N, C-alpha and C. Protein backbone atom coordinates (compact mmCIF):
# COMPACT_ATOMS: atom_id res chain seq x y z
N MET A 1 215.29 191.66 382.77
CA MET A 1 216.17 191.48 382.43
C MET A 1 217.70 192.63 382.63
N ASN A 2 218.84 192.31 383.07
CA ASN A 2 219.73 192.64 383.10
C ASN A 2 220.29 193.78 381.88
N PRO A 3 221.19 194.55 382.34
CA PRO A 3 221.74 195.10 380.91
C PRO A 3 222.92 194.34 380.08
N THR A 4 223.55 193.66 380.98
CA THR A 4 224.02 192.42 379.99
C THR A 4 223.22 191.52 379.25
N GLU A 5 222.43 190.94 379.64
CA GLU A 5 221.24 190.03 379.04
C GLU A 5 220.80 190.76 378.06
N GLU A 6 220.41 191.98 378.19
CA GLU A 6 219.91 193.07 377.13
C GLU A 6 221.19 192.83 375.91
N ALA A 7 221.80 193.11 376.11
CA ALA A 7 223.16 193.69 375.07
C ALA A 7 223.20 192.20 374.42
N LEU A 8 223.10 191.06 375.27
CA LEU A 8 223.13 190.01 374.28
C LEU A 8 222.17 189.61 373.35
N VAL A 9 220.88 189.86 374.10
CA VAL A 9 219.60 189.80 373.07
C VAL A 9 219.93 190.53 371.96
N GLU A 10 219.97 192.04 372.04
CA GLU A 10 220.28 193.00 370.94
C GLU A 10 221.26 192.33 370.03
N ALA A 11 222.49 192.06 370.54
CA ALA A 11 223.53 191.48 369.70
C ALA A 11 222.96 190.22 368.78
N THR A 12 222.56 189.01 369.48
CA THR A 12 221.74 188.04 369.04
C THR A 12 221.01 188.45 367.64
N LEU A 13 220.23 189.42 368.16
CA LEU A 13 218.71 189.84 367.23
C LEU A 13 219.57 190.71 365.91
N GLU A 14 220.53 191.46 366.20
CA GLU A 14 221.34 192.08 364.83
C GLU A 14 222.05 190.72 364.07
N GLU A 15 222.08 189.94 364.85
CA GLU A 15 222.63 189.09 363.82
C GLU A 15 222.01 188.15 362.78
N LEU A 16 220.47 188.56 363.15
CA LEU A 16 219.68 187.63 362.19
C LEU A 16 219.43 188.49 360.88
N TRP A 17 219.81 188.00 359.91
CA TRP A 17 219.57 188.27 358.57
C TRP A 17 218.38 187.82 357.79
N LEU A 18 217.43 188.71 357.22
CA LEU A 18 216.32 187.96 356.80
C LEU A 18 216.23 188.79 355.53
N ASP A 19 215.71 187.81 354.62
CA ASP A 19 215.69 188.26 352.83
C ASP A 19 214.13 189.10 352.64
N LEU A 20 213.86 189.39 351.62
CA LEU A 20 212.65 189.90 351.43
C LEU A 20 211.57 189.46 351.61
N ASP A 21 211.32 187.84 351.33
CA ASP A 21 210.26 187.09 351.48
C ASP A 21 210.06 186.80 353.00
N ASP A 22 211.00 186.82 353.77
CA ASP A 22 211.05 186.18 355.19
C ASP A 22 210.44 187.47 355.72
N LEU A 23 210.81 188.70 355.25
CA LEU A 23 210.72 190.07 355.97
C LEU A 23 209.07 190.15 355.62
N CYS A 24 208.29 189.90 354.75
CA CYS A 24 207.09 190.00 354.23
C CYS A 24 206.55 189.16 355.30
N ARG A 25 206.74 187.94 355.38
CA ARG A 25 205.96 186.74 356.02
C ARG A 25 206.21 187.12 357.65
N LEU A 26 207.28 187.29 357.84
CA LEU A 26 207.28 187.71 359.47
C LEU A 26 206.94 189.00 360.17
N GLY A 27 206.85 189.89 358.90
CA GLY A 27 206.35 191.01 359.16
C GLY A 27 204.72 191.42 359.18
N LEU A 28 204.32 190.20 358.43
CA LEU A 28 202.72 190.44 357.99
C LEU A 28 202.46 191.20 357.36
N VAL A 29 203.05 191.53 356.22
CA VAL A 29 202.92 192.42 354.78
C VAL A 29 202.96 192.03 353.97
N GLU A 30 202.40 192.48 352.51
CA GLU A 30 202.62 192.11 351.46
C GLU A 30 203.53 192.54 350.61
N ALA A 31 204.70 191.76 349.88
CA ALA A 31 205.41 192.35 348.86
C ALA A 31 205.38 193.98 348.57
N CYS A 32 204.29 193.79 347.94
CA CYS A 32 204.16 195.31 347.37
C CYS A 32 204.06 196.52 348.30
N TRP A 33 203.21 196.20 349.49
CA TRP A 33 203.55 197.11 350.38
C TRP A 33 204.73 197.60 351.01
N LEU A 34 205.46 196.67 351.24
CA LEU A 34 206.99 196.78 351.71
C LEU A 34 207.97 197.67 350.53
N GLU A 35 207.30 197.02 349.23
CA GLU A 35 208.61 197.45 347.87
C GLU A 35 208.33 199.19 348.16
N GLU A 36 206.92 199.62 348.18
CA GLU A 36 206.62 200.86 348.22
C GLU A 36 207.02 201.93 349.53
N ARG A 37 207.12 200.97 350.71
CA ARG A 37 207.96 201.41 351.73
C ARG A 37 209.45 201.99 351.66
N LEU A 38 210.16 200.79 350.89
CA LEU A 38 211.41 200.78 350.56
C LEU A 38 211.69 201.59 349.46
N ALA A 39 210.72 202.10 348.64
CA ALA A 39 211.04 203.00 347.32
C ALA A 39 211.16 204.31 348.07
N ASP A 40 210.04 204.35 349.09
CA ASP A 40 209.82 205.80 349.54
C ASP A 40 210.78 206.12 350.64
N GLY A 41 211.86 204.84 351.07
CA GLY A 41 212.65 205.32 352.19
C GLY A 41 212.31 205.31 353.83
N LEU A 42 211.04 204.54 354.09
CA LEU A 42 210.50 204.59 354.98
C LEU A 42 210.96 203.43 355.94
N VAL A 43 211.70 202.26 355.00
CA VAL A 43 212.33 201.23 355.45
C VAL A 43 213.32 201.09 355.00
N LEU A 44 214.71 200.67 355.65
CA LEU A 44 215.62 200.65 354.86
C LEU A 44 216.34 199.37 354.83
N ALA A 45 216.89 198.49 354.02
CA ALA A 45 217.59 197.33 353.97
C ALA A 45 218.89 198.04 355.06
N CYS A 46 219.96 196.96 355.23
CA CYS A 46 220.97 197.01 356.30
C CYS A 46 222.08 196.93 355.69
N THR A 47 223.00 198.22 355.83
CA THR A 47 223.88 198.07 355.23
C THR A 47 225.09 197.72 355.72
N ASP A 48 224.98 196.63 356.74
CA ASP A 48 226.11 195.91 357.04
C ASP A 48 225.81 194.85 357.24
N ALA A 49 225.26 194.28 356.46
CA ALA A 49 225.06 192.69 355.91
C ALA A 49 226.07 192.26 355.62
N PRO A 50 225.97 190.61 356.18
CA PRO A 50 227.17 190.02 355.85
C PRO A 50 228.13 189.93 354.04
N ASP A 51 226.67 190.11 353.27
CA ASP A 51 226.96 189.75 351.86
C ASP A 51 226.45 190.89 351.07
N ALA A 52 226.38 190.77 349.86
CA ALA A 52 226.28 192.24 349.18
C ALA A 52 225.07 192.32 348.82
N THR A 53 224.12 191.33 349.20
CA THR A 53 222.55 191.06 349.05
C THR A 53 221.59 192.17 349.88
N ARG A 54 220.56 192.58 349.73
CA ARG A 54 219.78 193.21 350.52
C ARG A 54 219.06 192.39 351.61
N CYS A 55 219.30 192.90 352.57
CA CYS A 55 219.12 191.80 353.50
C CYS A 55 218.81 193.03 354.73
N TYR A 56 217.97 192.42 355.98
CA TYR A 56 217.12 192.58 356.76
C TYR A 56 217.26 192.14 358.18
N ASN A 57 217.51 193.14 359.53
CA ASN A 57 217.18 192.42 360.75
C ASN A 57 216.00 192.29 361.49
N ALA A 58 216.20 191.94 362.56
CA ALA A 58 214.77 191.98 363.67
C ALA A 58 214.68 193.34 363.81
N ILE A 59 215.34 194.29 363.92
CA ILE A 59 214.90 195.68 364.38
C ILE A 59 214.30 196.32 362.97
N THR A 60 214.54 195.87 361.59
CA THR A 60 213.81 196.16 360.52
C THR A 60 212.47 195.63 360.62
N LEU A 61 212.46 194.45 361.18
CA LEU A 61 211.26 193.86 361.08
C LEU A 61 210.33 194.40 362.17
N ALA A 62 211.07 194.81 363.42
CA ALA A 62 210.17 195.32 364.60
C ALA A 62 209.19 196.61 363.81
N ARG A 63 210.18 197.21 362.92
CA ARG A 63 210.03 198.65 362.37
C ARG A 63 208.61 198.58 361.24
N VAL A 64 208.81 197.25 360.33
CA VAL A 64 207.63 197.39 359.52
C VAL A 64 206.77 196.64 360.04
N ARG A 65 206.61 195.55 361.07
CA ARG A 65 205.71 195.20 361.69
C ARG A 65 204.65 196.76 362.89
N ARG A 66 205.55 197.58 363.25
CA ARG A 66 205.05 198.66 363.64
C ARG A 66 204.67 199.68 362.80
N ILE A 67 204.96 200.13 361.57
CA ILE A 67 204.42 201.09 360.57
C ILE A 67 203.15 200.09 360.15
N ALA A 68 203.15 199.23 359.80
CA ALA A 68 201.94 198.03 359.38
C ALA A 68 201.01 198.37 360.36
N CYS A 69 201.28 197.99 361.67
CA CYS A 69 200.08 198.23 362.89
C CYS A 69 199.36 199.62 362.64
N LEU A 70 200.07 200.92 362.60
CA LEU A 70 199.99 202.29 362.63
C LEU A 70 199.21 202.73 361.79
N GLU A 71 199.54 201.79 360.45
CA GLU A 71 198.86 202.25 359.18
C GLU A 71 197.21 201.69 359.16
N ARG A 72 197.08 200.31 359.75
CA ARG A 72 195.97 199.40 360.00
C ARG A 72 195.22 200.22 361.11
N ASP A 73 195.73 200.26 361.94
CA ASP A 73 194.86 200.80 363.05
C ASP A 73 194.39 202.06 363.30
N PHE A 74 194.94 202.80 363.07
CA PHE A 74 195.02 204.40 362.52
C PHE A 74 194.91 204.96 361.51
N GLU A 75 194.56 203.95 360.65
CA GLU A 75 194.17 204.61 359.33
C GLU A 75 195.31 205.84 358.79
N ALA A 76 196.39 205.50 359.28
CA ALA A 76 197.77 206.62 359.02
C ALA A 76 198.10 206.32 357.76
N ALA A 77 198.90 207.68 357.17
CA ALA A 77 199.36 207.52 356.00
C ALA A 77 200.99 207.10 356.28
N PRO A 78 201.30 206.40 355.45
CA PRO A 78 202.65 205.60 355.63
C PRO A 78 203.85 206.62 355.91
N GLU A 79 203.73 208.06 355.61
CA GLU A 79 204.80 208.60 356.34
C GLU A 79 204.53 208.93 357.43
N LEU A 80 203.20 209.30 357.72
CA LEU A 80 202.75 209.47 359.10
C LEU A 80 203.18 208.35 360.18
N ALA A 81 202.81 207.32 359.67
CA ALA A 81 203.12 206.09 360.42
C ALA A 81 204.65 205.79 360.78
N ALA A 82 205.35 205.81 359.53
CA ALA A 82 207.24 206.32 359.65
C ALA A 82 207.36 207.01 360.84
N LEU A 83 206.74 208.34 360.99
CA LEU A 83 207.41 209.06 361.85
C LEU A 83 206.63 208.65 363.29
N VAL A 84 205.90 208.28 363.59
CA VAL A 84 205.52 207.63 364.98
C VAL A 84 206.58 206.68 365.53
N ALA A 85 206.85 206.02 364.51
CA ALA A 85 207.58 204.68 364.56
C ALA A 85 208.87 205.09 364.93
N ASP A 86 209.41 206.40 364.57
CA ASP A 86 210.70 207.11 364.66
C ASP A 86 210.68 207.64 366.15
N LEU A 87 209.79 208.47 366.29
CA LEU A 87 209.35 208.92 367.61
C LEU A 87 209.31 207.75 369.09
N GLU A 88 208.51 206.86 368.61
CA GLU A 88 208.67 205.84 369.51
C GLU A 88 210.15 205.30 369.88
N ASP A 89 210.67 205.07 368.94
CA ASP A 89 212.08 204.59 369.03
C ASP A 89 213.15 205.62 369.91
N GLU A 90 212.76 206.80 369.37
CA GLU A 90 213.31 207.95 370.16
C GLU A 90 213.32 208.01 371.63
N ILE A 91 211.85 207.62 371.98
CA ILE A 91 211.25 207.60 373.15
C ILE A 91 212.18 206.48 374.45
N GLN A 92 212.07 205.46 373.45
CA GLN A 92 212.76 204.55 374.26
C GLN A 92 214.46 204.79 374.17
N ARG A 93 214.71 204.98 373.27
CA ARG A 93 216.37 205.53 373.72
C ARG A 93 216.67 206.35 374.47
N LEU A 94 215.60 207.33 374.70
CA LEU A 94 215.61 208.25 375.66
C LEU A 94 215.66 207.98 377.28
N ARG A 95 214.85 207.01 377.10
CA ARG A 95 214.14 206.14 378.41
C ARG A 95 215.33 205.33 378.96
N LYS A 96 216.03 204.61 377.95
CA LYS A 96 217.40 203.83 378.54
C LYS A 96 218.42 204.36 379.06
N ARG A 97 218.47 205.77 378.27
CA ARG A 97 219.58 206.82 378.84
C ARG A 97 219.24 207.18 380.52
N LEU A 98 218.10 207.85 380.31
CA LEU A 98 217.78 208.37 381.26
C LEU A 98 217.81 206.74 382.67
N ASP A 99 217.64 205.51 382.43
CA ASP A 99 217.61 204.40 383.22
C ASP A 99 219.24 204.32 383.72
N CYS A 100 220.24 204.76 382.58
CA CYS A 100 221.45 204.31 383.21
C CYS A 100 222.11 205.52 383.97
N LEU A 101 221.52 206.94 383.77
CA LEU A 101 221.90 207.80 384.39
C LEU A 101 221.20 207.98 385.96
N GLU A 102 220.23 206.95 386.01
CA GLU A 102 219.79 206.92 387.45
C GLU A 102 220.52 205.77 388.10
N ASP A 103 221.03 205.26 387.85
CA ASP A 103 221.40 203.81 388.58
C ASP A 103 222.73 204.17 389.00
């Protein structure tokens, strides 16, 4: 996928808005699990949602799925799973910057 296609996919995903029920269903988590992570600040609602309701986007969905996977597969504490997810995101951003510099 070239950089233009990647930007288009990311823009499209950022326009996808999910409510709490959709996020739970697609993230394969229970509502109580998600509410705990929201209360602890490990998962955040999007502030740039088109209306005043609490919404989530595809980036949040990917984070929820990753945190849930880390907690389940490695029996990680929620805070540790969120930290690992943050570090993985940072590694991905740094790799993209490196790829751009190499081109």
